[in-house]
Amino acid sequence: MLNILARPAFRSPNGESSSYLIAQILDSDENINVFDWNTLLDLRKKPDIIILHWPDNILGYNFFKFYFVLTSLLLSLFLSKFFFKTKHVWFAHNIKSHHKVNKTREKIYWKLFLRAIDFIIYPLPTILEIHNENIFEGEKKVIPFGPYTKRLVDPENLENLKSEIGYESQFKYFLWFGLIRPYKNLEFLIDVFDKSKENFKLLIVGQVSDKKYYKSLSKSENVVFLPRFIEDSEFPLFFNLSDACIFNYNNITNSGSIRMALSYNKPVFCNYFNQFEDFNKILNTNLVQFYNNSEELDAHLSNFNDFKFKSPNWENSSWNLFKMKFKESVIG
């Protein structure tokens, strides 16, 4: 029996996390046990593998908490390696931090962290190509993540949500969802929809992570805000009443939000990052459409009603395929 320590209980404010889905598919194997990893005491499970997902989040901590958590993390990895010969695997969803941090601190973090890791798994092939580092000496592998769980729509709850946002059937709704914080560049999208002459509305949904930033965002009759925590059960409701999803990132490696939208067969408009082209290639679709400026986005909006979108094919990016490749690559 193989014991894996991970953070399967971690649940992001964006809804069901890929961390949970990874743990769920691995734990479905009769020869694998996946346990929550929260403290040093969890090492008593004698792990064969420790999975690290989103470890870069600690870069957002203040000075003292950062070094305390980093010390605890490295100590856990050292002790597990020394006593149990544990293999440490990093799912490289992000290869750079979303947070504005001290460059020296960030350099120290990645130097120490990468030297403690044995195996890196990249969910998109282009992330591997752009991850230029010379510290890591272990193995690397590209294994695409599977889709998010597609849940059923409750008709009564859908009508309640429409009432909550003031839904108007004559408009097409473009859904933005996630934590509301500066790197999401919502002011750009608000400005585009504010000036748009089409019958479109921008629906911004998610928990406010930065109150100062949220208060700075201008309000418009073409923009609907729902600044609150979104339950997993509500996501199919938002995708049902929306016609497409839209994002405008500042500095990002990967996007679980795009993959969630594709799981519900929704077109996605996003500012250009070359790694996001992988979604269309892997899933044999054209649902992810790119723009580089407001003029290109406005052109997309103008042509939206006439564009022929192609549904994604998850055959090469299923969770069962992920489990098989993970076992072949990491477990052996």
C-alpha atoms as a PDB file:
ATOM      1  CA  MET A   1       0.000   0.000   0.000  1.00  0.00           C
ATOM      2  CA  LEU A   2       1.338   3.409  -1.014  1.00  0.00           C
ATOM      3  CA  ASN A   3       0.842   6.338   1.362  1.00  0.00           C
ATOM      4  CA  ILE A   4       0.619   9.857  -0.048  1.00  0.00           C
ATOM      5  CA  LEU A   5       0.512  13.057   1.975  1.00  0.00           C
ATOM      6  CA  ALA A   6      -1.157  15.976   0.200  1.00  0.00           C
ATOM      7  CA  ARG A   7      -3.565  18.811   0.795  1.00  0.00           C
ATOM      8  CA  PRO A   8      -6.750  17.231  -0.603  1.00  0.00           C
ATOM      9  CA  ALA A   9      -8.892  19.114   1.926  1.00  0.00           C
ATOM     10  CA  PHE A  10      -7.682  22.446   0.560  1.00  0.00           C
ATOM     11  CA  ARG A  11     -10.579  24.210  -1.092  1.00  0.00           C
ATOM     12  CA  SER A  12     -10.032  27.461  -2.936  1.00  0.00           C
ATOM     13  CA  PRO A  13     -12.549  30.347  -2.820  1.00  0.00           C
ATOM     14  CA  ASN A  14     -12.971  29.747  -6.559  1.00  0.00           C
ATOM     15  CA  GLY A  15     -14.772  26.494  -5.780  1.00  0.00           C
ATOM     16  CA  GLU A  16     -13.688  22.883  -6.070  1.00  0.00           C
ATOM     17  CA  SER A  17      -9.894  22.939  -6.318  1.00  0.00           C
ATOM     18  CA  SER A  18      -7.629  20.922  -8.589  1.00  0.00           C
ATOM     19  CA  SER A  19      -5.785  19.881  -5.385  1.00  0.00           C
ATOM     20  CA  TYR A  20      -8.926  18.083  -4.236  1.00  0.00           C
ATOM     21  CA  LEU A  21      -9.539  16.485  -7.641  1.00  0.00           C
ATOM     22  CA  ILE A  22      -5.958  15.196  -7.804  1.00  0.00           C
ATOM     23  CA  ALA A  23      -6.254  13.645  -4.356  1.00  0.00           C
ATOM     24  CA  GLN A  24      -9.657  12.191  -5.201  1.00  0.00           C
ATOM     25  CA  ILE A  25      -8.508  10.370  -8.345  1.00  0.00           C
ATOM     26  CA  LEU A  26      -5.356   9.002  -6.696  1.00  0.00           C
ATOM     27  CA  ASP A  27      -7.270   7.871  -3.609  1.00  0.00           C
ATOM     28  CA  SER A  28      -9.667   5.951  -5.857  1.00  0.00           C
ATOM     29  CA  ASP A  29      -6.844   3.470  -6.532  1.00  0.00           C
ATOM     30  CA  GLU A  30      -7.090   0.493  -4.164  1.00  0.00           C
ATOM     31  CA  ASN A  31      -3.307   0.479  -3.740  1.00  0.00           C
ATOM     32  CA  ILE A  32      -3.032   4.152  -2.762  1.00  0.00           C
ATOM     33  CA  ASN A  33      -4.016   6.009   0.405  1.00  0.00           C
ATOM     34  CA  VAL A  34      -4.084   9.815   0.299  1.00  0.00           C
ATOM     35  CA  PHE A  35      -3.936  11.641   3.643  1.00  0.00           C
ATOM     36  CA  ASP A  36      -4.281  15.307   4.574  1.00  0.00           C
ATOM     37  CA  TRP A  37      -0.961  16.969   5.247  1.00  0.00           C
ATOM     38  CA  ASN A  38      -1.212  19.904   7.626  1.00  0.00           C
ATOM     39  CA  THR A  39       1.494  19.560  10.297  1.00  0.00           C
ATOM     40  CA  LEU A  40       4.743  17.767  11.082  1.00  0.00           C
ATOM     41  CA  LEU A  41       2.745  15.213  13.071  1.00  0.00           C
ATOM     42  CA  ASP A  42       1.229  13.921   9.827  1.00  0.00           C
ATOM     43  CA  LEU A  43       4.616  12.438   8.979  1.00  0.00           C
ATOM     44  CA  ARG A  44       3.617   9.610  11.315  1.00  0.00           C
ATOM     45  CA  LYS A  45       1.750   8.224   8.300  1.00  0.00           C
ATOM     46  CA  LYS A  46       5.224   7.303   6.924  1.00  0.00           C
ATOM     47  CA  PRO A  47       4.553   8.786   3.476  1.00  0.00           C
ATOM     48  CA  ASP A  48       6.022   7.268   0.330  1.00  0.00           C
ATOM     49  CA  ILE A  49       5.159  10.440  -1.573  1.00  0.00           C
ATOM     50  CA  ILE A  50       4.437  14.032  -0.546  1.00  0.00           C
ATOM     51  CA  ILE A  51       2.489  16.124  -3.060  1.00  0.00           C
ATOM     52  CA  LEU A  52       2.991  19.885  -3.030  1.00  0.00           C
ATOM     53  CA  HIS A  53       0.431  21.998  -4.856  1.00  0.00           C
ATOM     54  CA  TRP A  54       0.379  25.813  -4.625  1.00  0.00           C
ATOM     55  CA  PRO A  55       3.391  25.985  -2.256  1.00  0.00           C
ATOM     56  CA  ASP A  56       4.170  29.417  -3.733  1.00  0.00           C
ATOM     57  CA  ASN A  57       1.227  30.833  -1.758  1.00  0.00           C
ATOM     58  CA  ILE A  58       3.516  31.274   1.240  1.00  0.00           C
ATOM     59  CA  LEU A  59       5.293  34.057  -0.668  1.00  0.00           C
ATOM     60  CA  GLY A  60       2.247  36.187   0.107  1.00  0.00           C
ATOM     61  CA  TYR A  61       2.803  35.906   3.873  1.00  0.00           C
ATOM     62  CA  ASN A  62       4.396  38.653   5.961  1.00  0.00           C
ATOM     63  CA  PHE A  63       8.109  38.436   6.792  1.00  0.00           C
ATOM     64  CA  PHE A  64       7.907  36.385   9.991  1.00  0.00           C
ATOM     65  CA  LYS A  65       5.131  34.045   8.906  1.00  0.00           C
ATOM     66  CA  PHE A  66       6.885  33.428   5.599  1.00  0.00           C
ATOM     67  CA  TYR A  67      10.117  32.249   7.210  1.00  0.00           C
ATOM     68  CA  PHE A  68       8.250  30.249   9.857  1.00  0.00           C
ATOM     69  CA  VAL A  69       6.169  28.370   7.261  1.00  0.00           C
ATOM     70  CA  LEU A  70       9.133  27.925   4.926  1.00  0.00           C
ATOM     71  CA  THR A  71      11.204  26.468   7.788  1.00  0.00           C
ATOM     72  CA  SER A  72       8.357  24.076   8.695  1.00  0.00           C
ATOM     73  CA  LEU A  73       7.964  23.028   5.059  1.00  0.00           C
ATOM     74  CA  LEU A  74      11.666  22.344   4.517  1.00  0.00           C
ATOM     75  CA  LEU A  75      11.927  20.534   7.858  1.00  0.00           C
ATOM     76  CA  SER A  76       9.016  18.280   6.888  1.00  0.00           C
ATOM     77  CA  LEU A  77      10.641  17.461   3.565  1.00  0.00           C
ATOM     78  CA  PHE A  78      14.033  16.814   5.144  1.00  0.00           C
ATOM     79  CA  LEU A  79      12.669  14.562   7.912  1.00  0.00           C
ATOM     80  CA  SER A  80      10.445  12.571   5.550  1.00  0.00           C
ATOM     81  CA  LYS A  81      13.354  12.042   3.169  1.00  0.00           C
ATOM     82  CA  PHE A  82      15.737  11.044   5.982  1.00  0.00           C
ATOM     83  CA  PHE A  83      13.427   8.642   7.817  1.00  0.00           C
ATOM     84  CA  PHE A  84      11.148   7.280   5.082  1.00  0.00           C
ATOM     85  CA  LYS A  85      12.974   8.019   1.813  1.00  0.00           C
ATOM     86  CA  THR A  86       9.866   9.947   0.741  1.00  0.00           C
ATOM     87  CA  LYS A  87       9.644  11.207  -2.831  1.00  0.00           C
ATOM     88  CA  HIS A  88       8.613  14.875  -3.054  1.00  0.00           C
ATOM     89  CA  VAL A  89       6.443  15.841  -6.034  1.00  0.00           C
ATOM     90  CA  TRP A  90       5.494  19.390  -7.028  1.00  0.00           C
ATOM     91  CA  PHE A  91       2.511  20.031  -9.289  1.00  0.00           C
ATOM     92  CA  ALA A  92       3.751  23.217 -10.964  1.00  0.00           C
ATOM     93  CA  HIS A  93       0.468  25.037 -11.471  1.00  0.00           C
ATOM     94  CA  ASN A  94       2.387  28.271 -10.914  1.00  0.00           C
ATOM     95  CA  ILE A  95       6.111  28.770 -11.533  1.00  0.00           C
ATOM     96  CA  LYS A  96       6.008  32.359 -10.296  1.00  0.00           C
ATOM     97  CA  SER A  97       4.102  34.073  -7.529  1.00  0.00           C
ATOM     98  CA  HIS A  98       0.927  36.110  -7.935  1.00  0.00           C
ATOM     99  CA  HIS A  99       2.066  38.199  -4.976  1.00  0.00           C
ATOM    100  CA  LYS A 100       4.252  41.294  -5.025  1.00  0.00           C
ATOM    101  CA  VAL A 101       7.162  40.134  -2.890  1.00  0.00           C
ATOM    102  CA  ASN A 102      10.721  41.040  -2.065  1.00  0.00           C
ATOM    103  CA  LYS A 103      12.905  39.688  -4.888  1.00  0.00           C
ATOM    104  CA  THR A 104      15.570  38.456  -2.489  1.00  0.00           C
ATOM    105  CA  ARG A 105      12.984  36.534  -0.473  1.00  0.00           C
ATOM    106  CA  GLU A 106      11.507  35.037  -3.647  1.00  0.00           C
ATOM    107  CA  LYS A 107      14.963  33.966  -4.855  1.00  0.00           C
ATOM    108  CA  ILE A 108      15.734  32.319  -1.519  1.00  0.00           C
ATOM    109  CA  TYR A 109      12.391  30.512  -1.560  1.00  0.00           C
ATOM    110  CA  TRP A 110      12.739  28.977  -5.018  1.00  0.00           C
ATOM    111  CA  LYS A 111      16.379  28.028  -4.451  1.00  0.00           C
ATOM    112  CA  LEU A 112      15.608  26.114  -1.249  1.00  0.00           C
ATOM    113  CA  PHE A 113      12.305  24.691  -2.460  1.00  0.00           C
ATOM    114  CA  LEU A 114      13.537  23.314  -5.782  1.00  0.00           C
ATOM    115  CA  ARG A 115      16.477  21.600  -4.116  1.00  0.00           C
ATOM    116  CA  ALA A 116      14.052  19.761  -1.830  1.00  0.00           C
ATOM    117  CA  ILE A 117      11.900  18.461  -4.722  1.00  0.00           C
ATOM    118  CA  ASP A 118      12.454  15.173  -6.573  1.00  0.00           C
ATOM    119  CA  PHE A 119       9.855  15.404  -9.318  1.00  0.00           C
ATOM    120  CA  ILE A 120       7.999  18.228 -11.091  1.00  0.00           C
ATOM    121  CA  ILE A 121       4.730  17.658 -12.948  1.00  0.00           C
ATOM    122  CA  TYR A 122       3.564  20.384 -15.336  1.00  0.00           C
ATOM    123  CA  PRO A 123      -0.159  20.489 -16.259  1.00  0.00           C
ATOM    124  CA  LEU A 124       0.594  22.234 -19.589  1.00  0.00           C
ATOM    125  CA  PRO A 125       3.570  21.499 -21.901  1.00  0.00           C
ATOM    126  CA  THR A 126       4.436  25.163 -22.487  1.00  0.00           C
ATOM    127  CA  ILE A 127       4.876  25.705 -18.736  1.00  0.00           C
ATOM    128  CA  LEU A 128       7.746  23.218 -18.880  1.00  0.00           C
ATOM    129  CA  GLU A 129       9.255  25.113 -21.811  1.00  0.00           C
ATOM    130  CA  ILE A 130       9.129  28.507 -20.086  1.00  0.00           C
ATOM    131  CA  HIS A 131      10.330  27.235 -16.697  1.00  0.00           C
ATOM    132  CA  ASN A 132      13.934  28.339 -17.087  1.00  0.00           C
ATOM    133  CA  GLU A 133      15.759  27.273 -13.923  1.00  0.00           C
ATOM    134  CA  ASN A 134      19.082  25.525 -13.314  1.00  0.00           C
ATOM    135  CA  ILE A 135      18.691  24.577  -9.639  1.00  0.00           C
ATOM    136  CA  PHE A 136      16.392  21.587 -10.031  1.00  0.00           C
ATOM    137  CA  GLU A 137      18.178  18.265 -10.605  1.00  0.00           C
ATOM    138  CA  GLY A 138      15.250  15.841 -10.470  1.00  0.00           C
ATOM    139  CA  GLU A 139      12.798  14.552 -13.063  1.00  0.00           C
ATOM    140  CA  LYS A 140      10.174  16.489 -15.048  1.00  0.00           C
ATOM    141  CA  LYS A 141       6.985  15.346 -16.738  1.00  0.00           C
ATOM    142  CA  VAL A 142       3.997  16.947 -18.474  1.00  0.00           C
ATOM    143  CA  ILE A 143       0.691  15.423 -17.336  1.00  0.00           C
ATOM    144  CA  PRO A 144      -2.428  17.473 -18.196  1.00  0.00           C
ATOM    145  CA  PHE A 145      -5.074  17.823 -15.494  1.00  0.00           C
ATOM    146  CA  GLY A 146      -8.587  16.523 -16.058  1.00  0.00           C
ATOM    147  CA  PRO A 147     -11.847  18.509 -16.097  1.00  0.00           C
ATOM    148  CA  TYR A 148     -13.674  19.944 -13.128  1.00  0.00           C
ATOM    149  CA  THR A 149     -16.777  18.136 -11.939  1.00  0.00           C
ATOM    150  CA  LYS A 150     -19.764  19.112 -14.059  1.00  0.00           C
ATOM    151  CA  ARG A 151     -22.704  19.410 -11.678  1.00  0.00           C
ATOM    152  CA  LEU A 152     -26.422  19.437 -12.426  1.00  0.00           C
ATOM    153  CA  VAL A 153     -28.493  22.615 -12.397  1.00  0.00           C
ATOM    154  CA  ASP A 154     -31.289  23.022  -9.862  1.00  0.00           C
ATOM    155  CA  PRO A 155     -34.053  24.995 -11.703  1.00  0.00           C
ATOM    156  CA  GLU A 156     -35.369  26.653  -8.524  1.00  0.00           C
ATOM    157  CA  ASN A 157     -31.901  27.790  -7.446  1.00  0.00           C
ATOM    158  CA  LEU A 158     -31.262  29.081 -10.969  1.00  0.00           C
ATOM    159  CA  GLU A 159     -34.335  31.304 -10.804  1.00  0.00           C
ATOM    160  CA  ASN A 160     -33.261  32.569  -7.362  1.00  0.00           C
ATOM    161  CA  LEU A 161     -29.818  33.465  -8.716  1.00  0.00           C
ATOM    162  CA  LYS A 162     -31.327  35.292 -11.684  1.00  0.00           C
ATOM    163  CA  SER A 163     -33.351  37.377  -9.255  1.00  0.00           C
ATOM    164  CA  GLU A 164     -30.258  38.079  -7.151  1.00  0.00           C
ATOM    165  CA  ILE A 165     -28.269  39.504 -10.062  1.00  0.00           C
ATOM    166  CA  GLY A 166     -31.207  41.171 -11.791  1.00  0.00           C
ATOM    167  CA  TYR A 167     -30.946  38.926 -14.851  1.00  0.00           C
ATOM    168  CA  GLU A 168     -32.310  40.385 -18.099  1.00  0.00           C
ATOM    169  CA  SER A 169     -32.874  37.913 -20.939  1.00  0.00           C
ATOM    170  CA  GLN A 170     -32.196  40.434 -23.719  1.00  0.00           C
ATOM    171  CA  PHE A 171     -28.523  40.589 -22.706  1.00  0.00           C
ATOM    172  CA  LYS A 172     -25.707  38.082 -23.156  1.00  0.00           C
ATOM    173  CA  TYR A 173     -23.672  37.615 -19.990  1.00  0.00           C
ATOM    174  CA  PHE A 174     -19.891  37.249 -19.866  1.00  0.00           C
ATOM    175  CA  LEU A 175     -18.859  35.617 -16.605  1.00  0.00           C
ATOM    176  CA  TRP A 176     -15.731  36.504 -14.655  1.00  0.00           C
ATOM    177  CA  PHE A 177     -15.165  34.521 -11.452  1.00  0.00           C
ATOM    178  CA  GLY A 178     -12.419  34.146  -8.869  1.00  0.00           C
ATOM    179  CA  LEU A 179     -10.844  36.017  -5.993  1.00  0.00           C
ATOM    180  CA  ILE A 180     -11.196  39.762  -6.544  1.00  0.00           C
ATOM    181  CA  ARG A 181      -7.646  41.116  -6.302  1.00  0.00           C
ATOM    182  CA  PRO A 182      -5.370  43.427  -8.337  1.00  0.00           C
ATOM    183  CA  TYR A 183      -3.567  40.963 -10.624  1.00  0.00           C
ATOM    184  CA  LYS A 184      -6.916  40.035 -12.201  1.00  0.00           C
ATOM    185  CA  ASN A 185      -7.047  43.504 -13.920  1.00  0.00           C
ATOM    186  CA  LEU A 186     -10.801  43.863 -13.659  1.00  0.00           C
ATOM    187  CA  GLU A 187     -10.629  47.594 -14.383  1.00  0.00           C
ATOM    188  CA  PHE A 188      -9.665  46.782 -17.994  1.00  0.00           C
ATOM    189  CA  LEU A 189     -12.708  44.556 -18.524  1.00  0.00           C
ATOM    190  CA  ILE A 190     -15.042  47.037 -16.836  1.00  0.00           C
ATOM    191  CA  ASP A 191     -13.827  49.788 -19.157  1.00  0.00           C
ATOM    192  CA  VAL A 192     -14.354  47.650 -22.284  1.00  0.00           C
ATOM    193  CA  PHE A 193     -17.895  46.624 -21.313  1.00  0.00           C
ATOM    194  CA  ASP A 194     -18.730  50.153 -20.185  1.00  0.00           C
ATOM    195  CA  LYS A 195     -17.961  51.419 -23.713  1.00  0.00           C
ATOM    196  CA  SER A 196     -19.440  48.452 -25.581  1.00  0.00           C
ATOM    197  CA  LYS A 197     -22.523  49.117 -27.704  1.00  0.00           C
ATOM    198  CA  GLU A 198     -23.471  45.440 -27.838  1.00  0.00           C
ATOM    199  CA  ASN A 199     -26.199  43.905 -25.658  1.00  0.00           C
ATOM    200  CA  PHE A 200     -23.622  42.387 -23.331  1.00  0.00           C
ATOM    201  CA  LYS A 201     -23.130  42.504 -19.596  1.00  0.00           C
ATOM    202  CA  LEU A 202     -20.053  41.617 -17.559  1.00  0.00           C
ATOM    203  CA  LEU A 203     -20.896  39.483 -14.520  1.00  0.00           C
ATOM    204  CA  ILE A 204     -18.156  39.655 -11.849  1.00  0.00           C
ATOM    205  CA  VAL A 205     -18.519  36.934  -9.228  1.00  0.00           C
ATOM    206  CA  GLY A 206     -16.239  36.060  -6.322  1.00  0.00           C
ATOM    207  CA  GLN A 207     -14.952  36.760  -2.852  1.00  0.00           C
ATOM    208  CA  VAL A 208     -13.225  40.096  -2.268  1.00  0.00           C
ATOM    209  CA  SER A 209      -9.592  39.433  -1.375  1.00  0.00           C
ATOM    210  CA  ASP A 210      -8.466  43.072  -1.562  1.00  0.00           C
ATOM    211  CA  LYS A 211     -11.097  45.516  -0.254  1.00  0.00           C
ATOM    212  CA  LYS A 212      -9.161  48.610  -1.302  1.00  0.00           C
ATOM    213  CA  TYR A 213      -8.890  47.306  -4.857  1.00  0.00           C
ATOM    214  CA  TYR A 214     -12.583  46.375  -4.976  1.00  0.00           C
ATOM    215  CA  LYS A 215     -13.643  49.853  -3.818  1.00  0.00           C
ATOM    216  CA  SER A 216     -11.472  51.398  -6.550  1.00  0.00           C
ATOM    217  CA  LEU A 217     -13.360  49.585  -9.328  1.00  0.00           C
ATOM    218  CA  SER A 218     -15.818  51.803 -11.152  1.00  0.00           C
ATOM    219  CA  LYS A 219     -19.461  50.756 -11.340  1.00  0.00           C
ATOM    220  CA  SER A 220     -21.292  50.621 -14.664  1.00  0.00           C
ATOM    221  CA  GLU A 221     -24.775  49.694 -15.876  1.00  0.00           C
ATOM    222  CA  ASN A 222     -23.134  47.070 -18.120  1.00  0.00           C
ATOM    223  CA  VAL A 223     -21.369  45.429 -15.171  1.00  0.00           C
ATOM    224  CA  VAL A 224     -22.998  43.276 -12.471  1.00  0.00           C
ATOM    225  CA  PHE A 225     -21.057  42.622  -9.254  1.00  0.00           C
ATOM    226  CA  LEU A 226     -21.708  39.700  -6.927  1.00  0.00           C
ATOM    227  CA  PRO A 227     -18.846  40.038  -4.414  1.00  0.00           C
ATOM    228  CA  ARG A 228     -19.334  36.999  -2.225  1.00  0.00           C
ATOM    229  CA  PHE A 229     -18.121  33.458  -1.650  1.00  0.00           C
ATOM    230  CA  ILE A 230     -19.416  31.056  -4.293  1.00  0.00           C
ATOM    231  CA  GLU A 231     -20.370  27.535  -3.268  1.00  0.00           C
ATOM    232  CA  ASP A 232     -19.456  24.573  -5.497  1.00  0.00           C
ATOM    233  CA  SER A 233     -23.173  23.893  -6.018  1.00  0.00           C
ATOM    234  CA  GLU A 234     -23.636  27.388  -7.483  1.00  0.00           C
ATOM    235  CA  PHE A 235     -21.101  27.125 -10.305  1.00  0.00           C
ATOM    236  CA  PRO A 236     -23.391  25.237 -12.709  1.00  0.00           C
ATOM    237  CA  LEU A 237     -25.972  27.980 -12.139  1.00  0.00           C
ATOM    238  CA  PHE A 238     -23.543  30.730 -13.176  1.00  0.00           C
ATOM    239  CA  PHE A 239     -22.364  28.769 -16.221  1.00  0.00           C
ATOM    240  CA  ASN A 240     -25.960  28.047 -17.197  1.00  0.00           C
ATOM    241  CA  LEU A 241     -27.041  31.691 -17.269  1.00  0.00           C
ATOM    242  CA  SER A 242     -23.766  32.925 -18.828  1.00  0.00           C
ATOM    243  CA  ASP A 243     -22.933  32.815 -22.529  1.00  0.00           C
ATOM    244  CA  ALA A 244     -19.146  32.937 -22.160  1.00  0.00           C
ATOM    245  CA  CYS A 245     -16.344  33.530 -19.646  1.00  0.00           C
ATOM    246  CA  ILE A 246     -13.784  36.299 -19.748  1.00  0.00           C
ATOM    247  CA  PHE A 247     -10.495  36.996 -17.938  1.00  0.00           C
ATOM    248  CA  ASN A 248      -7.700  39.537 -18.072  1.00  0.00           C
ATOM    249  CA  TYR A 249      -4.648  38.426 -16.116  1.00  0.00           C
ATOM    250  CA  ASN A 250      -1.547  40.432 -15.323  1.00  0.00           C
ATOM    251  CA  ASN A 251       1.155  37.890 -14.530  1.00  0.00           C
ATOM    252  CA  ILE A 252       0.129  34.250 -14.489  1.00  0.00           C
ATOM    253  CA  THR A 253       1.370  30.765 -15.386  1.00  0.00           C
ATOM    254  CA  ASN A 254      -1.824  28.744 -15.501  1.00  0.00           C
ATOM    255  CA  SER A 255      -5.553  29.187 -14.959  1.00  0.00           C
ATOM    256  CA  GLY A 256      -7.871  26.761 -13.225  1.00  0.00           C
ATOM    257  CA  SER A 257     -10.704  29.150 -14.059  1.00  0.00           C
ATOM    258  CA  ILE A 258     -10.201  28.590 -17.795  1.00  0.00           C
ATOM    259  CA  ARG A 259     -10.193  24.822 -17.316  1.00  0.00           C
ATOM    260  CA  MET A 260     -13.376  25.039 -15.235  1.00  0.00           C
ATOM    261  CA  ALA A 261     -15.109  27.079 -17.944  1.00  0.00           C
ATOM    262  CA  LEU A 262     -14.054  24.536 -20.571  1.00  0.00           C
ATOM    263  CA  SER A 263     -15.427  21.762 -18.350  1.00  0.00           C
ATOM    264  CA  TYR A 264     -18.825  23.405 -18.819  1.00  0.00           C
ATOM    265  CA  ASN A 265     -18.250  23.876 -22.570  1.00  0.00           C
ATOM    266  CA  LYS A 266     -18.129  27.667 -22.298  1.00  0.00           C
ATOM    267  CA  PRO A 267     -16.166  29.941 -24.677  1.00  0.00           C
ATOM    268  CA  VAL A 268     -13.342  31.772 -22.898  1.00  0.00           C
ATOM    269  CA  PHE A 269     -11.872  35.146 -23.835  1.00  0.00           C
ATOM    270  CA  CYS A 270      -8.499  35.869 -22.289  1.00  0.00           C
ATOM    271  CA  ASN A 271      -5.538  38.157 -22.856  1.00  0.00           C
ATOM    272  CA  TYR A 272      -2.755  36.287 -24.623  1.00  0.00           C
ATOM    273  CA  PHE A 273      -0.341  33.934 -22.851  1.00  0.00           C
ATOM    274  CA  ASN A 274       1.352  31.383 -25.092  1.00  0.00           C
ATOM    275  CA  GLN A 275       0.826  28.548 -22.584  1.00  0.00           C
ATOM    276  CA  PHE A 276      -2.947  29.047 -22.789  1.00  0.00           C
ATOM    277  CA  GLU A 277      -2.825  27.905 -26.419  1.00  0.00           C
ATOM    278  CA  ASP A 278      -2.189  24.456 -24.924  1.00  0.00           C
ATOM    279  CA  PHE A 279      -5.842  24.244 -23.866  1.00  0.00           C
ATOM    280  CA  ASN A 280      -7.024  24.428 -27.483  1.00  0.00           C
ATOM    281  CA  LYS A 281      -4.334  21.996 -28.675  1.00  0.00           C
ATOM    282  CA  ILE A 282      -4.827  19.349 -25.964  1.00  0.00           C
ATOM    283  CA  LEU A 283      -8.632  19.502 -26.070  1.00  0.00           C
ATOM    284  CA  ASN A 284      -8.900  19.940 -29.855  1.00  0.00           C
ATOM    285  CA  THR A 285     -11.107  22.986 -29.513  1.00  0.00           C
ATOM    286  CA  ASN A 286     -11.250  26.693 -30.341  1.00  0.00           C
ATOM    287  CA  LEU A 287     -13.143  27.714 -27.204  1.00  0.00           C
ATOM    288  CA  VAL A 288     -10.221  29.754 -25.839  1.00  0.00           C
ATOM    289  CA  GLN A 289      -9.968  33.009 -27.784  1.00  0.00           C
ATOM    290  CA  PHE A 290      -7.236  35.593 -27.200  1.00  0.00           C
ATOM    291  CA  TYR A 291      -6.861  39.346 -27.322  1.00  0.00           C
ATOM    292  CA  ASN A 292      -3.900  41.687 -26.819  1.00  0.00           C
ATOM    293  CA  ASN A 293      -5.705  44.978 -26.348  1.00  0.00           C
ATOM    294  CA  SER A 294      -9.150  46.529 -25.933  1.00  0.00           C
ATOM    295  CA  GLU A 295      -9.648  46.855 -29.706  1.00  0.00           C
ATOM    296  CA  GLU A 296      -9.134  43.115 -30.242  1.00  0.00           C
ATOM    297  CA  LEU A 297     -11.451  42.255 -27.353  1.00  0.00           C
ATOM    298  CA  ASP A 298     -14.101  44.611 -28.721  1.00  0.00           C
ATOM    299  CA  ALA A 299     -13.796  42.869 -32.099  1.00  0.00           C
ATOM    300  CA  HIS A 300     -14.337  39.496 -30.394  1.00  0.00           C
ATOM    301  CA  LEU A 301     -17.467  40.849 -28.733  1.00  0.00           C
ATOM    302  CA  SER A 302     -18.791  42.206 -32.023  1.00  0.00           C
ATOM    303  CA  ASN A 303     -18.298  38.842 -33.756  1.00  0.00           C
ATOM    304  CA  PHE A 304     -19.454  36.699 -30.846  1.00  0.00           C
ATOM    305  CA  ASN A 305     -22.923  35.858 -32.147  1.00  0.00           C
ATOM    306  CA  ASP A 306     -21.569  34.597 -35.503  1.00  0.00           C
ATOM    307  CA  PHE A 307     -18.496  32.676 -34.310  1.00  0.00           C
ATOM    308  CA  LYS A 308     -18.611  28.857 -34.579  1.00  0.00           C
ATOM    309  CA  PHE A 309     -17.202  27.338 -31.399  1.00  0.00           C
ATOM    310  CA  LYS A 310     -16.029  23.739 -31.193  1.00  0.00           C
ATOM    311  CA  SER A 311     -16.662  21.685 -28.050  1.00  0.00           C
ATOM    312  CA  PRO A 312     -13.576  20.337 -26.200  1.00  0.00           C
ATOM    313  CA  ASN A 313     -12.527  16.687 -26.342  1.00  0.00           C
ATOM    314  CA  TRP A 314     -11.271  15.531 -22.907  1.00  0.00           C
ATOM    315  CA  GLU A 315      -9.993  12.178 -24.182  1.00  0.00           C
ATOM    316  CA  ASN A 316      -6.342  13.280 -23.859  1.00  0.00           C
ATOM    317  CA  SER A 317      -6.899  15.108 -20.572  1.00  0.00           C
ATOM    318  CA  SER A 318      -8.999  12.862 -18.338  1.00  0.00           C
ATOM    319  CA  TRP A 319      -8.384  12.209 -14.639  1.00  0.00           C
ATOM    320  CA  ASN A 320      -8.063   8.465 -15.258  1.00  0.00           C
ATOM    321  CA  LEU A 321      -5.335   9.179 -17.809  1.00  0.00           C
ATOM    322  CA  PHE A 322      -3.711  11.516 -15.284  1.00  0.00           C
ATOM    323  CA  LYS A 323      -3.686   8.743 -12.663  1.00  0.00           C
ATOM    324  CA  MET A 324      -2.189   6.236 -15.099  1.00  0.00           C
ATOM    325  CA  LYS A 325       0.605   8.610 -16.176  1.00  0.00           C
ATOM    326  CA  PHE A 326       1.280   9.672 -12.583  1.00  0.00           C
ATOM    327  CA  LYS A 327       1.693   6.040 -11.516  1.00  0.00           C
ATOM    328  CA  GLU A 328       3.954   5.280 -14.491  1.00  0.00           C
ATOM    329  CA  SER A 329       6.126   8.379 -14.037  1.00  0.00           C
ATOM    330  CA  VAL A 330       6.328   8.895 -10.284  1.00  0.00           C
ATOM    331  CA  ILE A 331       5.528   5.569  -8.670  1.00  0.00           C
ATOM    332  CA  GLY A 332       7.106   3.352 -11.326  1.00  0.00           C
END
